[in-house]
N, C-alpha and C. Protein backbone atom coordinates (compact mmCIF):
# COMPACT_ATOMS: atom_id res chain seq x y z
N MET A 1 6.75 -2.54 -10.39
CA MET A 1 5.84 -1.57 -9.78
C MET A 1 6.64 -0.61 -8.91
N LEU A 2 6.23 0.64 -8.89
CA LEU A 2 6.91 1.67 -8.13
C LEU A 2 6.66 1.50 -6.64
N GLU A 3 7.72 1.46 -5.87
CA GLU A 3 7.61 1.37 -4.41
C GLU A 3 7.70 2.78 -3.84
N LEU A 4 6.75 3.13 -3.00
CA LEU A 4 6.75 4.46 -2.38
C LEU A 4 7.05 4.35 -0.90
N SER A 5 7.84 5.29 -0.40
CA SER A 5 8.06 5.36 1.04
C SER A 5 6.78 5.89 1.69
N ASP A 6 6.71 5.81 3.01
CA ASP A 6 5.54 6.33 3.71
C ASP A 6 5.34 7.82 3.43
N LYS A 7 6.44 8.57 3.43
CA LYS A 7 6.33 10.01 3.18
C LYS A 7 5.82 10.28 1.76
N GLU A 8 6.34 9.54 0.79
CA GLU A 8 5.89 9.73 -0.59
C GLU A 8 4.42 9.35 -0.75
N HIS A 9 4.01 8.27 -0.06
CA HIS A 9 2.61 7.85 -0.11
C HIS A 9 1.71 8.94 0.46
N ARG A 10 2.11 9.50 1.62
CA ARG A 10 1.32 10.59 2.23
C ARG A 10 1.29 11.81 1.32
N THR A 11 2.40 12.08 0.64
CA THR A 11 2.46 13.22 -0.26
C THR A 11 1.50 13.04 -1.43
N TRP A 12 1.49 11.85 -2.03
CA TRP A 12 0.56 11.59 -3.13
C TRP A 12 -0.87 11.70 -2.64
N TRP A 13 -1.16 11.18 -1.46
CA TRP A 13 -2.51 11.26 -0.90
C TRP A 13 -2.89 12.72 -0.70
N GLY A 14 -1.95 13.52 -0.22
CA GLY A 14 -2.21 14.95 -0.02
C GLY A 14 -2.48 15.67 -1.34
N VAL A 15 -1.72 15.32 -2.37
CA VAL A 15 -1.93 15.92 -3.69
C VAL A 15 -3.32 15.58 -4.20
N CYS A 16 -3.69 14.31 -4.10
CA CYS A 16 -5.03 13.88 -4.55
C CYS A 16 -6.13 14.58 -3.76
N SER A 17 -5.93 14.75 -2.47
CA SER A 17 -6.92 15.43 -1.64
C SER A 17 -7.07 16.89 -2.03
N ALA A 18 -5.95 17.56 -2.27
CA ALA A 18 -5.99 18.97 -2.67
C ALA A 18 -6.68 19.14 -4.02
N ILE A 19 -6.40 18.23 -4.96
CA ILE A 19 -7.05 18.29 -6.26
C ILE A 19 -8.56 18.08 -6.11
N SER A 20 -8.94 17.15 -5.24
CA SER A 20 -10.36 16.89 -4.99
C SER A 20 -11.06 18.13 -4.44
N VAL A 21 -10.41 18.81 -3.50
CA VAL A 21 -10.99 20.03 -2.93
C VAL A 21 -11.16 21.09 -4.02
N LEU A 22 -10.16 21.25 -4.86
CA LEU A 22 -10.25 22.25 -5.93
C LEU A 22 -11.37 21.92 -6.91
N ARG A 23 -11.52 20.64 -7.23
CA ARG A 23 -12.60 20.25 -8.15
C ARG A 23 -13.97 20.54 -7.54
N LYS A 24 -14.13 20.23 -6.26
CA LYS A 24 -15.41 20.49 -5.59
C LYS A 24 -15.71 21.99 -5.57
N LEU A 25 -14.70 22.79 -5.26
CA LEU A 25 -14.91 24.24 -5.22
C LEU A 25 -15.23 24.78 -6.60
N ASN A 26 -14.58 24.25 -7.62
CA ASN A 26 -14.81 24.71 -8.99
C ASN A 26 -16.21 24.33 -9.48
N ALA A 27 -16.75 23.23 -8.96
CA ALA A 27 -18.06 22.76 -9.38
C ALA A 27 -19.20 23.61 -8.81
N ARG A 28 -18.93 24.36 -7.78
CA ARG A 28 -19.96 25.19 -7.16
C ARG A 28 -20.28 26.40 -8.04
N ASP A 29 -21.42 27.02 -7.77
CA ASP A 29 -21.80 28.20 -8.56
C ASP A 29 -20.86 29.37 -8.28
N SER A 30 -20.92 30.37 -9.15
CA SER A 30 -19.96 31.49 -9.08
C SER A 30 -20.08 32.29 -7.79
N GLN A 31 -21.28 32.47 -7.25
CA GLN A 31 -21.43 33.21 -5.99
C GLN A 31 -20.72 32.48 -4.86
N CYS A 32 -20.88 31.17 -4.85
CA CYS A 32 -20.25 30.38 -3.80
C CYS A 32 -18.73 30.41 -3.97
N ARG A 33 -18.25 30.34 -5.21
CA ARG A 33 -16.81 30.38 -5.46
C ARG A 33 -16.21 31.69 -4.97
N ALA A 34 -16.93 32.78 -5.15
CA ALA A 34 -16.42 34.08 -4.70
C ALA A 34 -16.23 34.11 -3.19
N ARG A 35 -17.08 33.41 -2.46
CA ARG A 35 -16.95 33.37 -1.00
C ARG A 35 -15.84 32.43 -0.55
N ASN A 36 -15.38 31.57 -1.43
CA ASN A 36 -14.40 30.55 -1.04
C ASN A 36 -13.00 30.82 -1.57
N VAL A 37 -12.69 32.08 -1.83
CA VAL A 37 -11.36 32.42 -2.35
C VAL A 37 -10.27 31.97 -1.38
N VAL A 38 -10.49 32.14 -0.10
CA VAL A 38 -9.49 31.74 0.90
C VAL A 38 -9.30 30.23 0.87
N GLU A 39 -10.39 29.46 0.75
CA GLU A 39 -10.28 28.01 0.66
C GLU A 39 -9.48 27.59 -0.57
N VAL A 40 -9.75 28.22 -1.70
CA VAL A 40 -9.04 27.89 -2.93
C VAL A 40 -7.56 28.23 -2.78
N TYR A 41 -7.25 29.41 -2.26
CA TYR A 41 -5.86 29.81 -2.08
C TYR A 41 -5.14 28.82 -1.17
N SER A 42 -5.79 28.42 -0.09
CA SER A 42 -5.20 27.46 0.84
C SER A 42 -4.95 26.12 0.17
N ALA A 43 -5.92 25.63 -0.59
CA ALA A 43 -5.76 24.34 -1.27
C ALA A 43 -4.63 24.40 -2.30
N VAL A 44 -4.53 25.50 -3.03
CA VAL A 44 -3.46 25.65 -4.01
C VAL A 44 -2.11 25.72 -3.32
N SER A 45 -2.02 26.41 -2.20
CA SER A 45 -0.77 26.49 -1.45
C SER A 45 -0.33 25.12 -0.95
N VAL A 46 -1.28 24.35 -0.43
CA VAL A 46 -0.96 22.99 0.04
C VAL A 46 -0.52 22.13 -1.13
N LEU A 47 -1.23 22.21 -2.25
CA LEU A 47 -0.88 21.43 -3.43
C LEU A 47 0.53 21.77 -3.91
N ARG A 48 0.85 23.05 -3.95
CA ARG A 48 2.18 23.48 -4.38
C ARG A 48 3.26 22.91 -3.46
N LYS A 49 3.05 23.01 -2.16
CA LYS A 49 4.02 22.50 -1.19
C LYS A 49 4.22 20.99 -1.35
N LEU A 50 3.12 20.26 -1.50
CA LEU A 50 3.21 18.81 -1.65
C LEU A 50 3.91 18.42 -2.94
N MET A 51 3.64 19.14 -4.02
CA MET A 51 4.30 18.83 -5.29
C MET A 51 5.80 19.09 -5.20
N VAL A 52 6.20 20.16 -4.53
CA VAL A 52 7.63 20.43 -4.35
C VAL A 52 8.28 19.30 -3.56
N GLU A 53 7.63 18.85 -2.49
CA GLU A 53 8.16 17.73 -1.70
C GLU A 53 8.28 16.48 -2.55
N LEU A 54 7.27 16.20 -3.35
CA LEU A 54 7.27 15.01 -4.18
C LEU A 54 8.38 15.06 -5.21
N PHE A 55 8.54 16.19 -5.89
CA PHE A 55 9.58 16.30 -6.89
C PHE A 55 10.97 16.26 -6.26
N ASP A 56 11.13 16.83 -5.07
CA ASP A 56 12.41 16.74 -4.36
C ASP A 56 12.74 15.29 -4.04
N ALA A 57 11.75 14.53 -3.56
CA ALA A 57 11.96 13.12 -3.24
C ALA A 57 12.32 12.34 -4.49
N GLU A 58 11.63 12.61 -5.60
CA GLU A 58 11.90 11.91 -6.85
C GLU A 58 13.30 12.24 -7.36
N ALA A 59 13.71 13.51 -7.25
CA ALA A 59 15.05 13.92 -7.69
C ALA A 59 16.12 13.20 -6.87
N ARG A 60 15.91 13.06 -5.56
CA ARG A 60 16.87 12.34 -4.73
C ARG A 60 16.94 10.87 -5.13
N ASN A 61 15.82 10.27 -5.48
CA ASN A 61 15.80 8.87 -5.92
C ASN A 61 16.57 8.69 -7.22
N VAL A 62 16.40 9.63 -8.16
CA VAL A 62 17.09 9.54 -9.44
C VAL A 62 18.59 9.70 -9.24
N VAL A 63 19.00 10.67 -8.44
CA VAL A 63 20.42 10.89 -8.17
C VAL A 63 21.01 9.68 -7.47
N GLY A 64 20.26 9.09 -6.54
CA GLY A 64 20.74 7.90 -5.83
C GLY A 64 20.92 6.71 -6.75
N ASP A 65 20.15 6.63 -7.85
CA ASP A 65 20.24 5.52 -8.79
C ASP A 65 21.41 5.65 -9.75
N LEU A 66 22.00 6.84 -9.86
CA LEU A 66 23.10 7.06 -10.81
C LEU A 66 24.37 6.43 -10.36
């Protein structure tokens, strides 16, 4: 089983939270979505940042295993 550090665990939790927010916003009607452009942009920005952190951590783990 994959062991995650505290930072990696928080990163995965953050990714899941951002995806959840995007799904909820996407499920709303189009008028509501138009009003929430800032929320969507913010959630996407957070998701992108967390994914970069996660991939950086994974790359360091792979290099450390070589």
